Amino acid sequence: MSERLRLALVLAVTATCLILAARGVDLRGVGHALSGLSPAAVLLATVGITGAFTLRVARFGLLLGDRRPAMREVGVVCGIGFLAIQVVPLRLGELVRPYLLAERGVGWGRSLGALAVERLLDLVVLIGMLALAGLVEVPQRLLIGGVDVLPQAQVAASTAAALLAAALVGLVLVGPRLGELPGPLAKVGALAASGAAAVRE
């Protein structure tokens, strides 16, 4: 596939996803809200977002280990990947970072292992924030659409963290043996074994 055709395909998919994401959005209301923003608040938010992005890039680079590309390349990959997560449905944009890293010589197993640990760390922080919420005075109920989402969020975060932790432990313990799977499962097993090695490192 030529570079021009690939670029056209990427732009077409991105435009389609943006159109689908913007359906039902009150654009006038968005414009009205933006017009009322304080420049100082926008500047402060920009600084905060830039700092958070820099920390996330540094964390992901450390999780990739010594075989990662230059940190500048990691930043480019993360920027494209984070954008893809926002515009591609079903969080399929998560696969963009491993794909781009594979083009830079980083194996899929190592990239997916780094992503798994990254998500586990995010869940740990989220659970910690939810636990701290119990130490301060917060509303007893947080209604969205008539549903109290606070207990639902606590249960969902705890369940997701437990499942991900169990999956990581299982991958580390069983992962090396998966590389010995026969037949059509050999490639999948090799990928899982590579991910397990990345997590152990």
N, C-alpha and C. Protein backbone atom coordinates (compact mmCIF):
# COMPACT_ATOMS: atom_id res chain seq x y z
N MET A 1 0.85 -1.19 0.00
CA MET A 1 0.00 0.00 0.00
C MET A 1 0.89 1.24 0.00
N SER A 2 0.61 2.16 -0.92
CA SER A 2 1.42 3.37 -1.02
C SER A 2 1.16 4.29 0.16
N GLU A 3 2.10 5.21 0.40
CA GLU A 3 1.97 6.14 1.52
C GLU A 3 0.76 7.05 1.33
N ARG A 4 0.51 7.50 0.10
CA ARG A 4 -0.63 8.38 -0.15
C ARG A 4 -1.95 7.67 0.11
N LEU A 5 -2.04 6.42 -0.35
CA LEU A 5 -3.26 5.66 -0.13
C LEU A 5 -3.47 5.39 1.35
N ARG A 6 -2.40 5.08 2.06
CA ARG A 6 -2.50 4.84 3.50
C ARG A 6 -2.95 6.10 4.22
N LEU A 7 -2.38 7.26 3.85
CA LEU A 7 -2.77 8.53 4.47
C LEU A 7 -4.22 8.84 4.19
N ALA A 8 -4.66 8.62 2.93
CA ALA A 8 -6.06 8.88 2.59
C ALA A 8 -7.00 7.98 3.38
N LEU A 9 -6.61 6.72 3.56
CA LEU A 9 -7.43 5.79 4.32
C LEU A 9 -7.52 6.20 5.78
N VAL A 10 -6.39 6.60 6.35
CA VAL A 10 -6.38 7.04 7.75
C VAL A 10 -7.25 8.27 7.94
N LEU A 11 -7.14 9.24 7.03
CA LEU A 11 -7.94 10.46 7.13
C LEU A 11 -9.42 10.15 6.98
N ALA A 12 -9.76 9.23 6.07
CA ALA A 12 -11.17 8.88 5.87
C ALA A 12 -11.75 8.21 7.11
N VAL A 13 -10.99 7.28 7.69
CA VAL A 13 -11.46 6.60 8.91
C VAL A 13 -11.59 7.59 10.06
N THR A 14 -10.61 8.49 10.20
CA THR A 14 -10.65 9.49 11.27
C THR A 14 -11.85 10.41 11.11
N ALA A 15 -12.09 10.89 9.88
CA ALA A 15 -13.23 11.78 9.63
C ALA A 15 -14.54 11.07 9.94
N THR A 16 -14.65 9.81 9.54
CA THR A 16 -15.87 9.05 9.82
C THR A 16 -16.11 8.91 11.31
N CYS A 17 -15.06 8.59 12.05
CA CYS A 17 -15.18 8.44 13.51
C CYS A 17 -15.55 9.76 14.17
N LEU A 18 -14.98 10.87 13.70
CA LEU A 18 -15.31 12.18 14.27
C LEU A 18 -16.77 12.53 14.00
N ILE A 19 -17.24 12.23 12.80
CA ILE A 19 -18.64 12.52 12.47
C ILE A 19 -19.57 11.70 13.35
N LEU A 20 -19.24 10.42 13.54
CA LEU A 20 -20.07 9.57 14.40
C LEU A 20 -20.04 10.05 15.85
N ALA A 21 -18.87 10.51 16.30
CA ALA A 21 -18.75 10.98 17.68
C ALA A 21 -19.50 12.28 17.90
N ALA A 22 -19.63 13.11 16.85
CA ALA A 22 -20.27 14.42 16.99
C ALA A 22 -21.77 14.38 16.77
N ARG A 23 -22.30 13.21 16.44
CA ARG A 23 -23.75 13.13 16.23
C ARG A 23 -24.50 13.46 17.51
N GLY A 24 -25.51 14.28 17.39
CA GLY A 24 -26.33 14.64 18.54
C GLY A 24 -25.72 15.68 19.45
N VAL A 25 -24.53 16.19 19.12
CA VAL A 25 -23.89 17.21 19.95
C VAL A 25 -24.44 18.58 19.57
N ASP A 26 -24.82 19.36 20.57
CA ASP A 26 -25.32 20.71 20.34
C ASP A 26 -24.13 21.63 20.08
N LEU A 27 -23.82 21.86 18.81
CA LEU A 27 -22.64 22.65 18.47
C LEU A 27 -22.79 24.10 18.92
N ARG A 28 -24.00 24.63 18.88
CA ARG A 28 -24.21 26.00 19.37
C ARG A 28 -23.93 26.08 20.86
N GLY A 29 -24.40 25.09 21.59
CA GLY A 29 -24.13 25.06 23.02
C GLY A 29 -22.65 24.95 23.32
N VAL A 30 -21.94 24.15 22.52
CA VAL A 30 -20.49 24.03 22.69
C VAL A 30 -19.81 25.37 22.43
N GLY A 31 -20.23 26.04 21.34
CA GLY A 31 -19.66 27.35 21.04
C GLY A 31 -19.93 28.37 22.13
N HIS A 32 -21.15 28.34 22.67
CA HIS A 32 -21.50 29.27 23.75
C HIS A 32 -20.65 29.00 24.99
N ALA A 33 -20.44 27.72 25.31
CA ALA A 33 -19.62 27.37 26.47
C ALA A 33 -18.17 27.80 26.27
N LEU A 34 -17.66 27.62 25.06
CA LEU A 34 -16.27 28.01 24.79
C LEU A 34 -16.08 29.51 24.86
N SER A 35 -17.10 30.25 24.43
CA SER A 35 -16.98 31.72 24.44
C SER A 35 -16.94 32.27 25.87
N GLY A 36 -17.43 31.51 26.83
CA GLY A 36 -17.44 31.98 28.21
C GLY A 36 -16.24 31.54 29.02
N LEU A 37 -15.28 30.89 28.38
CA LEU A 37 -14.11 30.41 29.11
C LEU A 37 -13.17 31.55 29.47
N SER A 38 -12.54 31.43 30.62
CA SER A 38 -11.55 32.40 31.05
C SER A 38 -10.19 32.07 30.42
N PRO A 39 -9.51 33.05 29.81
CA PRO A 39 -8.18 32.78 29.23
C PRO A 39 -7.21 32.21 30.26
N ALA A 40 -7.27 32.70 31.49
CA ALA A 40 -6.37 32.19 32.52
C ALA A 40 -6.65 30.71 32.81
N ALA A 41 -7.94 30.36 32.84
CA ALA A 41 -8.30 28.97 33.08
C ALA A 41 -7.84 28.08 31.93
N VAL A 42 -7.98 28.58 30.71
CA VAL A 42 -7.53 27.81 29.54
C VAL A 42 -6.02 27.59 29.60
N LEU A 43 -5.28 28.64 29.96
CA LEU A 43 -3.82 28.53 30.06
C LEU A 43 -3.43 27.53 31.15
N LEU A 44 -4.10 27.61 32.30
CA LEU A 44 -3.80 26.69 33.39
C LEU A 44 -4.10 25.25 32.99
N ALA A 45 -5.24 25.06 32.31
CA ALA A 45 -5.60 23.71 31.87
C ALA A 45 -4.59 23.18 30.85
N THR A 46 -4.13 24.06 29.96
CA THR A 46 -3.15 23.66 28.95
C THR A 46 -1.85 23.21 29.59
N VAL A 47 -1.40 23.97 30.59
CA VAL A 47 -0.17 23.60 31.30
C VAL A 47 -0.35 22.26 32.01
N GLY A 48 -1.50 22.08 32.66
CA GLY A 48 -1.76 20.83 33.37
C GLY A 48 -1.83 19.64 32.44
N ILE A 49 -2.52 19.80 31.30
CA ILE A 49 -2.64 18.70 30.34
C ILE A 49 -1.28 18.35 29.74
N THR A 50 -0.50 19.39 29.43
CA THR A 50 0.84 19.16 28.87
C THR A 50 1.73 18.41 29.87
N GLY A 51 1.65 18.82 31.13
CA GLY A 51 2.43 18.13 32.16
C GLY A 51 2.00 16.69 32.33
N ALA A 52 0.69 16.45 32.33
CA ALA A 52 0.19 15.09 32.48
C ALA A 52 0.60 14.23 31.29
N PHE A 53 0.55 14.80 30.08
CA PHE A 53 0.96 14.05 28.89
C PHE A 53 2.44 13.69 28.97
N THR A 54 3.25 14.64 29.40
CA THR A 54 4.70 14.39 29.52
C THR A 54 4.98 13.26 30.51
N LEU A 55 4.27 13.26 31.64
CA LEU A 55 4.47 12.20 32.63
C LEU A 55 4.01 10.85 32.09
N ARG A 56 2.92 10.83 31.34
CA ARG A 56 2.43 9.57 30.78
C ARG A 56 3.40 9.01 29.75
N VAL A 57 3.98 9.90 28.94
CA VAL A 57 4.97 9.46 27.96
C VAL A 57 6.19 8.88 28.66
N ALA A 58 6.66 9.58 29.71
CA ALA A 58 7.83 9.09 30.45
C ALA A 58 7.53 7.74 31.10
N ARG A 59 6.34 7.60 31.67
CA ARG A 59 5.98 6.32 32.30
C ARG A 59 5.94 5.19 31.27
N PHE A 60 5.31 5.45 30.13
CA PHE A 60 5.21 4.42 29.10
C PHE A 60 6.59 4.05 28.56
N GLY A 61 7.46 5.05 28.41
CA GLY A 61 8.82 4.77 27.96
C GLY A 61 9.57 3.89 28.94
N LEU A 62 9.40 4.15 30.24
CA LEU A 62 10.05 3.32 31.25
C LEU A 62 9.50 1.90 31.24
N LEU A 63 8.19 1.76 31.01
CA LEU A 63 7.59 0.43 30.97
C LEU A 63 8.08 -0.38 29.76
N LEU A 64 8.43 0.31 28.68
CA LEU A 64 8.94 -0.39 27.50
C LEU A 64 10.33 -0.96 27.73
N GLY A 65 11.06 -0.40 28.69
CA GLY A 65 12.39 -0.91 29.00
C GLY A 65 13.48 -0.37 28.09
N ASP A 66 14.59 -1.07 28.08
CA ASP A 66 15.78 -0.60 27.36
C ASP A 66 15.64 -0.68 25.84
N ARG A 67 14.68 -1.46 25.35
CA ARG A 67 14.55 -1.64 23.90
C ARG A 67 13.66 -0.59 23.26
N ARG A 68 13.25 0.37 24.01
CA ARG A 68 12.37 1.40 23.46
C ARG A 68 13.15 2.30 22.49
N PRO A 69 12.43 2.96 21.58
CA PRO A 69 13.08 3.97 20.73
C PRO A 69 13.38 5.22 21.55
N ALA A 70 13.90 6.24 20.90
CA ALA A 70 14.18 7.50 21.59
C ALA A 70 12.91 8.04 22.22
N MET A 71 13.06 8.72 23.36
CA MET A 71 11.89 9.21 24.08
C MET A 71 11.05 10.16 23.22
N ARG A 72 11.70 10.88 22.31
CA ARG A 72 10.95 11.75 21.40
C ARG A 72 10.02 10.91 20.53
N GLU A 73 10.51 9.76 20.05
CA GLU A 73 9.67 8.86 19.25
C GLU A 73 8.54 8.29 20.09
N VAL A 74 8.83 7.97 21.34
CA VAL A 74 7.78 7.48 22.23
C VAL A 74 6.70 8.54 22.40
N GLY A 75 7.10 9.81 22.51
CA GLY A 75 6.13 10.90 22.62
C GLY A 75 5.25 11.01 21.40
N VAL A 76 5.84 10.88 20.22
CA VAL A 76 5.05 10.93 18.98
C VAL A 76 4.06 9.78 18.93
N VAL A 77 4.53 8.58 19.27
CA VAL A 77 3.66 7.40 19.26
C VAL A 77 2.51 7.57 20.25
N CYS A 78 2.81 8.06 21.45
CA CYS A 78 1.77 8.26 22.46
C CYS A 78 0.77 9.32 22.02
N GLY A 79 1.25 10.41 21.42
CA GLY A 79 0.35 11.45 20.95
C GLY A 79 -0.64 10.93 19.93
N ILE A 80 -0.13 10.17 18.95
CA ILE A 80 -1.02 9.59 17.94
C ILE A 80 -1.95 8.56 18.58
N GLY A 81 -1.41 7.76 19.48
CA GLY A 81 -2.22 6.73 20.12
C GLY A 81 -3.33 7.30 20.98
N PHE A 82 -3.03 8.35 21.76
CA PHE A 82 -4.05 8.96 22.61
C PHE A 82 -5.15 9.59 21.76
N LEU A 83 -4.78 10.20 20.62
CA LEU A 83 -5.78 10.76 19.72
C LEU A 83 -6.66 9.66 19.15
N ALA A 84 -6.05 8.54 18.77
CA ALA A 84 -6.82 7.43 18.21
C ALA A 84 -7.81 6.88 19.22
N ILE A 85 -7.41 6.83 20.50
CA ILE A 85 -8.32 6.33 21.53
C ILE A 85 -9.58 7.19 21.61
N GLN A 86 -9.43 8.50 21.38
CA GLN A 86 -10.56 9.41 21.48
C GLN A 86 -11.52 9.32 20.30
N VAL A 87 -11.00 8.98 19.11
CA VAL A 87 -11.84 9.05 17.91
C VAL A 87 -12.25 7.69 17.38
N VAL A 88 -11.56 6.62 17.77
CA VAL A 88 -11.89 5.29 17.27
C VAL A 88 -12.78 4.59 18.29
N PRO A 89 -13.93 4.05 17.85
CA PRO A 89 -14.87 3.42 18.80
C PRO A 89 -14.28 2.18 19.47
N LEU A 90 -14.92 1.79 20.58
CA LEU A 90 -14.62 0.56 21.31
C LEU A 90 -13.17 0.49 21.78
N ARG A 91 -12.55 1.66 21.93
CA ARG A 91 -11.16 1.76 22.41
C ARG A 91 -10.20 0.94 21.55
N LEU A 92 -10.54 0.75 20.28
CA LEU A 92 -9.63 0.06 19.38
C LEU A 92 -8.38 0.88 19.12
N GLY A 93 -8.44 2.17 19.46
CA GLY A 93 -7.26 3.00 19.32
C GLY A 93 -6.11 2.57 20.21
N GLU A 94 -6.40 1.71 21.21
CA GLU A 94 -5.34 1.20 22.08
C GLU A 94 -4.30 0.41 21.28
N LEU A 95 -4.71 -0.13 20.13
CA LEU A 95 -3.79 -0.94 19.33
C LEU A 95 -2.88 -0.10 18.45
N VAL A 96 -3.13 1.21 18.41
CA VAL A 96 -2.32 2.08 17.55
C VAL A 96 -0.88 2.16 18.07
N ARG A 97 -0.73 2.31 19.39
CA ARG A 97 0.62 2.42 19.94
C ARG A 97 1.47 1.17 19.68
N PRO A 98 0.96 -0.04 19.96
CA PRO A 98 1.76 -1.23 19.62
C PRO A 98 2.09 -1.32 18.13
N TYR A 99 1.14 -0.91 17.28
CA TYR A 99 1.38 -0.97 15.83
C TYR A 99 2.52 -0.03 15.43
N LEU A 100 2.46 1.20 15.93
CA LEU A 100 3.50 2.18 15.60
C LEU A 100 4.85 1.77 16.19
N LEU A 101 4.82 1.21 17.38
CA LEU A 101 6.08 0.76 17.99
C LEU A 101 6.67 -0.44 17.25
N ALA A 102 5.79 -1.30 16.71
CA ALA A 102 6.28 -2.44 15.92
C ALA A 102 7.04 -1.96 14.69
N GLU A 103 6.58 -0.85 14.10
CA GLU A 103 7.29 -0.28 12.95
C GLU A 103 8.64 0.28 13.36
N ARG A 104 8.83 0.52 14.65
CA ARG A 104 10.09 1.06 15.16
C ARG A 104 10.93 0.00 15.85
N GLY A 105 10.57 -1.26 15.63
CA GLY A 105 11.40 -2.35 16.13
C GLY A 105 11.05 -2.88 17.50
N VAL A 106 9.94 -2.42 18.09
CA VAL A 106 9.51 -2.92 19.40
C VAL A 106 8.46 -4.00 19.18
N GLY A 107 8.67 -5.17 19.76
CA GLY A 107 7.75 -6.28 19.56
C GLY A 107 6.37 -6.02 20.13
N TRP A 108 5.37 -6.67 19.52
CA TRP A 108 4.00 -6.52 19.99
C TRP A 108 3.84 -6.99 21.43
N GLY A 109 4.50 -8.07 21.78
CA GLY A 109 4.38 -8.58 23.14
C GLY A 109 4.85 -7.58 24.17
N ARG A 110 6.00 -6.96 23.91
CA ARG A 110 6.53 -5.97 24.85
C ARG A 110 5.58 -4.77 24.95
N SER A 111 5.05 -4.31 23.82
CA SER A 111 4.14 -3.15 23.83
C SER A 111 2.86 -3.46 24.57
N LEU A 112 2.28 -4.64 24.30
CA LEU A 112 1.03 -5.01 24.97
C LEU A 112 1.26 -5.23 26.46
N GLY A 113 2.41 -5.78 26.83
CA GLY A 113 2.73 -5.93 28.24
C GLY A 113 2.84 -4.59 28.94
N ALA A 114 3.48 -3.61 28.27
CA ALA A 114 3.58 -2.27 28.83
C ALA A 114 2.20 -1.63 28.98
N LEU A 115 1.33 -1.85 27.98
CA LEU A 115 -0.03 -1.31 28.06
C LEU A 115 -0.80 -1.92 29.22
N ALA A 116 -0.64 -3.23 29.43
CA ALA A 116 -1.35 -3.90 30.52
C ALA A 116 -0.91 -3.34 31.87
N VAL A 117 0.39 -3.17 32.06
CA VAL A 117 0.88 -2.61 33.32
C VAL A 117 0.42 -1.16 33.47
N GLU A 118 0.41 -0.41 32.37
CA GLU A 118 -0.05 0.97 32.41
C GLU A 118 -1.50 1.05 32.88
N ARG A 119 -2.34 0.18 32.34
CA ARG A 119 -3.75 0.19 32.75
C ARG A 119 -3.90 -0.23 34.21
N LEU A 120 -3.09 -1.18 34.66
CA LEU A 120 -3.16 -1.60 36.06
C LEU A 120 -2.78 -0.44 36.97
N LEU A 121 -1.76 0.31 36.62
CA LEU A 121 -1.36 1.47 37.43
C LEU A 121 -2.46 2.51 37.45
N ASP A 122 -3.11 2.72 36.30
CA ASP A 122 -4.22 3.68 36.25
C ASP A 122 -5.35 3.25 37.19
N LEU A 123 -5.65 1.95 37.19
CA LEU A 123 -6.72 1.46 38.05
C LEU A 123 -6.36 1.57 39.52
N VAL A 124 -5.10 1.32 39.84
CA VAL A 124 -4.65 1.46 41.23
C VAL A 124 -4.83 2.91 41.70
N VAL A 125 -4.45 3.85 40.84
CA VAL A 125 -4.62 5.27 41.19
C VAL A 125 -6.09 5.61 41.33
N LEU A 126 -6.92 5.09 40.43
CA LEU A 126 -8.36 5.36 40.49
C LEU A 126 -8.97 4.82 41.78
N ILE A 127 -8.59 3.60 42.14
CA ILE A 127 -9.10 3.02 43.39
C ILE A 127 -8.63 3.84 44.58
N GLY A 128 -7.38 4.30 44.54
CA GLY A 128 -6.88 5.15 45.62
C GLY A 128 -7.67 6.44 45.74
N MET A 129 -8.02 7.03 44.60
CA MET A 129 -8.81 8.27 44.63
C MET A 129 -10.21 8.00 45.18
N LEU A 130 -10.79 6.86 44.79
CA LEU A 130 -12.11 6.52 45.32
C LEU A 130 -12.04 6.26 46.83
N ALA A 131 -10.93 5.66 47.28
CA ALA A 131 -10.77 5.43 48.72
C ALA A 131 -10.62 6.74 49.47
N LEU A 132 -9.87 7.68 48.89
CA LEU A 132 -9.70 8.99 49.52
C LEU A 132 -11.01 9.75 49.58
N ALA A 133 -11.89 9.45 48.62
CA ALA A 133 -13.19 10.13 48.62
C ALA A 133 -13.97 9.81 49.89
N GLY A 134 -13.66 8.66 50.50
CA GLY A 134 -14.34 8.31 51.74
C GLY A 134 -13.82 9.08 52.94
N LEU A 135 -12.67 9.75 52.79
CA LEU A 135 -12.08 10.51 53.89
C LEU A 135 -12.50 11.97 53.90
N VAL A 136 -13.13 12.41 52.83
CA VAL A 136 -13.58 13.80 52.75
C VAL A 136 -15.08 13.82 52.59
N GLU A 137 -15.64 14.98 52.81
CA GLU A 137 -17.10 15.11 52.71
C GLU A 137 -17.49 15.23 51.25
N VAL A 138 -18.19 14.23 50.77
CA VAL A 138 -18.65 14.22 49.39
C VAL A 138 -20.15 13.96 49.40
N PRO A 139 -20.83 14.28 48.30
CA PRO A 139 -22.27 13.99 48.24
C PRO A 139 -22.54 12.51 48.44
N GLN A 140 -23.59 12.21 49.14
CA GLN A 140 -23.94 10.82 49.39
C GLN A 140 -24.34 10.11 48.10
N ARG A 141 -24.85 10.89 47.16
CA ARG A 141 -25.28 10.30 45.89
C ARG A 141 -24.78 11.17 44.76
N LEU A 142 -24.43 10.54 43.66
CA LEU A 142 -24.02 11.25 42.45
C LEU A 142 -24.90 10.74 41.32
N LEU A 143 -25.96 11.49 41.05
CA LEU A 143 -26.96 11.05 40.09
C LEU A 143 -26.62 11.54 38.70
N ILE A 144 -26.60 10.63 37.76
CA ILE A 144 -26.45 10.96 36.34
C ILE A 144 -27.53 10.18 35.60
N GLY A 145 -28.45 10.91 35.01
CA GLY A 145 -29.56 10.25 34.32
C GLY A 145 -30.44 9.46 35.26
N GLY A 146 -30.53 9.92 36.51
CA GLY A 146 -31.36 9.23 37.49
C GLY A 146 -30.71 8.02 38.12
N VAL A 147 -29.43 7.78 37.83
CA VAL A 147 -28.71 6.62 38.37
C VAL A 147 -27.58 7.10 39.27
N ASP A 148 -27.47 6.51 40.46
CA ASP A 148 -26.39 6.84 41.37
C ASP A 148 -25.13 6.11 40.89
N VAL A 149 -24.21 6.86 40.28
CA VAL A 149 -23.05 6.24 39.63
C VAL A 149 -21.88 6.03 40.58
N LEU A 150 -21.89 6.63 41.77
CA LEU A 150 -20.74 6.52 42.67
C LEU A 150 -20.47 5.08 43.10
N PRO A 151 -21.46 4.37 43.66
CA PRO A 151 -21.18 2.97 44.02
C PRO A 151 -20.89 2.10 42.81
N GLN A 152 -21.55 2.41 41.69
CA GLN A 152 -21.29 1.63 40.47
C GLN A 152 -19.85 1.80 40.03
N ALA A 153 -19.34 3.04 40.12
CA ALA A 153 -17.95 3.30 39.71
C ALA A 153 -16.98 2.58 40.63
N GLN A 154 -17.27 2.57 41.94
CA GLN A 154 -16.39 1.89 42.88
C GLN A 154 -16.33 0.39 42.59
N VAL A 155 -17.50 -0.21 42.36
CA VAL A 155 -17.54 -1.65 42.08
C VAL A 155 -16.84 -1.95 40.76
N ALA A 156 -17.11 -1.13 39.73
CA ALA A 156 -16.51 -1.37 38.42
C ALA A 156 -15.00 -1.25 38.46
N ALA A 157 -14.50 -0.22 39.16
CA ALA A 157 -13.05 -0.03 39.23
C ALA A 157 -12.39 -1.17 40.00
N SER A 158 -12.99 -1.58 41.12
CA SER A 158 -12.41 -2.67 41.91
C SER A 158 -12.42 -3.98 41.14
N THR A 159 -13.53 -4.26 40.45
CA THR A 159 -13.63 -5.49 39.67
C THR A 159 -12.62 -5.51 38.53
N ALA A 160 -12.52 -4.38 37.82
CA ALA A 160 -11.58 -4.30 36.70
C ALA A 160 -10.14 -4.47 37.18
N ALA A 161 -9.81 -3.84 38.31
CA ALA A 161 -8.45 -3.96 38.84
C ALA A 161 -8.15 -5.41 39.23
N ALA A 162 -9.12 -6.07 39.88
CA ALA A 162 -8.91 -7.46 40.29
C ALA A 162 -8.73 -8.37 39.08
N LEU A 163 -9.56 -8.18 38.06
CA LEU A 163 -9.46 -9.01 36.86
C LEU A 163 -8.14 -8.79 36.13
N LEU A 164 -7.74 -7.52 36.01
CA LEU A 164 -6.49 -7.22 35.32
C LEU A 164 -5.30 -7.76 36.10
N ALA A 165 -5.33 -7.61 37.44
CA ALA A 165 -4.24 -8.13 38.25
C ALA A 165 -4.15 -9.65 38.12
N ALA A 166 -5.31 -10.32 38.14
CA ALA A 166 -5.32 -11.78 37.99
C ALA A 166 -4.78 -12.19 36.61
N ALA A 167 -5.17 -11.43 35.58
CA ALA A 167 -4.69 -11.73 34.23
C ALA A 167 -3.18 -11.56 34.13
N LEU A 168 -2.66 -10.50 34.76
CA LEU A 168 -1.21 -10.27 34.72
C LEU A 168 -0.46 -11.36 35.46
N VAL A 169 -0.97 -11.75 36.64
CA VAL A 169 -0.32 -12.82 37.40
C VAL A 169 -0.34 -14.12 36.61
N GLY A 170 -1.50 -14.42 36.01
CA GLY A 170 -1.59 -15.63 35.19
C GLY A 170 -0.66 -15.59 34.00
N LEU A 171 -0.55 -14.41 33.38
CA LEU A 171 0.34 -14.28 32.22
C LEU A 171 1.80 -14.49 32.61
N VAL A 172 2.19 -13.94 33.77
CA VAL A 172 3.57 -14.10 34.22
C VAL A 172 3.87 -15.56 34.56
N LEU A 173 2.91 -16.24 35.20
CA LEU A 173 3.14 -17.61 35.63
C LEU A 173 3.09 -18.61 34.47
N VAL A 174 2.12 -18.40 33.57
CA VAL A 174 1.90 -19.38 32.50
C VAL A 174 2.52 -18.93 31.19
N GLY A 175 2.81 -17.63 31.07
CA GLY A 175 3.26 -17.07 29.80
C GLY A 175 4.40 -17.80 29.13
N PRO A 176 5.49 -18.14 29.86
CA PRO A 176 6.61 -18.83 29.20
C PRO A 176 6.22 -20.13 28.51
N ARG A 177 5.22 -20.84 29.06
CA ARG A 177 4.81 -22.11 28.47
C ARG A 177 3.95 -21.91 27.22
N LEU A 178 3.34 -20.72 27.09
CA LEU A 178 2.47 -20.48 25.94
C LEU A 178 3.25 -20.48 24.63
N GLY A 179 4.55 -20.17 24.71
CA GLY A 179 5.36 -20.17 23.49
C GLY A 179 5.54 -21.56 22.90
N GLU A 180 5.15 -22.61 23.64
CA GLU A 180 5.32 -23.98 23.16
C GLU A 180 4.03 -24.54 22.56
N LEU A 181 2.99 -23.70 22.40
CA LEU A 181 1.74 -24.18 21.84
C LEU A 181 1.94 -24.64 20.40
N PRO A 182 1.24 -25.70 20.00
CA PRO A 182 1.45 -26.24 18.65
C PRO A 182 0.54 -25.58 17.61
N GLY A 183 0.85 -25.82 16.36
CA GLY A 183 -0.02 -25.46 15.25
C GLY A 183 -0.38 -24.00 15.16
N PRO A 184 -1.67 -23.72 14.82
CA PRO A 184 -2.11 -22.34 14.60
C PRO A 184 -1.97 -21.45 15.83
N LEU A 185 -1.91 -22.06 17.01
CA LEU A 185 -1.81 -21.27 18.25
C LEU A 185 -0.38 -20.85 18.56
N ALA A 186 0.57 -21.27 17.74
CA ALA A 186 1.97 -20.98 18.04
C ALA A 186 2.25 -19.48 18.05
N LYS A 187 1.71 -18.75 17.06
CA LYS A 187 1.96 -17.31 16.99
C LYS A 187 1.33 -16.59 18.17
N VAL A 188 0.09 -17.00 18.52
CA VAL A 188 -0.58 -16.38 19.66
C VAL A 188 0.20 -16.68 20.94
N GLY A 189 0.66 -17.91 21.08
CA GLY A 189 1.44 -18.27 22.25
C GLY A 189 2.75 -17.51 22.34
N ALA A 190 3.41 -17.34 21.19
CA ALA A 190 4.66 -16.59 21.19
C ALA A 190 4.44 -15.14 21.58
N LEU A 191 3.32 -14.56 21.11
CA LEU A 191 3.00 -13.18 21.47
C LEU A 191 2.73 -13.06 22.96
N ALA A 192 1.96 -14.02 23.51
CA ALA A 192 1.67 -14.00 24.95
C ALA A 192 2.95 -14.20 25.76
N ALA A 193 3.82 -15.08 25.31
CA ALA A 193 5.08 -15.30 26.02
C ALA A 193 5.94 -14.05 26.00
N SER A 194 5.95 -13.35 24.87
CA SER A 194 6.71 -12.10 24.79
C SER A 194 6.14 -11.06 25.74
N GLY A 195 4.79 -10.98 25.80
CA GLY A 195 4.17 -10.05 26.73
C GLY A 195 4.48 -10.38 28.18
N ALA A 196 4.50 -11.68 28.50
CA ALA A 196 4.83 -12.10 29.86
C ALA A 196 6.26 -11.71 30.21
N ALA A 197 7.17 -11.88 29.27
CA ALA A 197 8.56 -11.51 29.52
C ALA A 197 8.69 -10.01 29.76
N ALA A 198 7.92 -9.23 28.99
CA ALA A 198 7.96 -7.77 29.18
C ALA A 198 7.43 -7.38 30.54
N VAL A 199 6.35 -8.03 30.99
CA VAL A 199 5.78 -7.71 32.31
C VAL A 199 6.75 -8.07 33.41
N ARG A 200 7.43 -9.23 33.30
CA ARG A 200 8.39 -9.64 34.32
C ARG A 200 9.56 -8.68 34.41
N GLU A 201 9.97 -8.12 33.28
CA GLU A 201 11.08 -7.17 33.29
C GLU A 201 10.68 -5.85 33.91
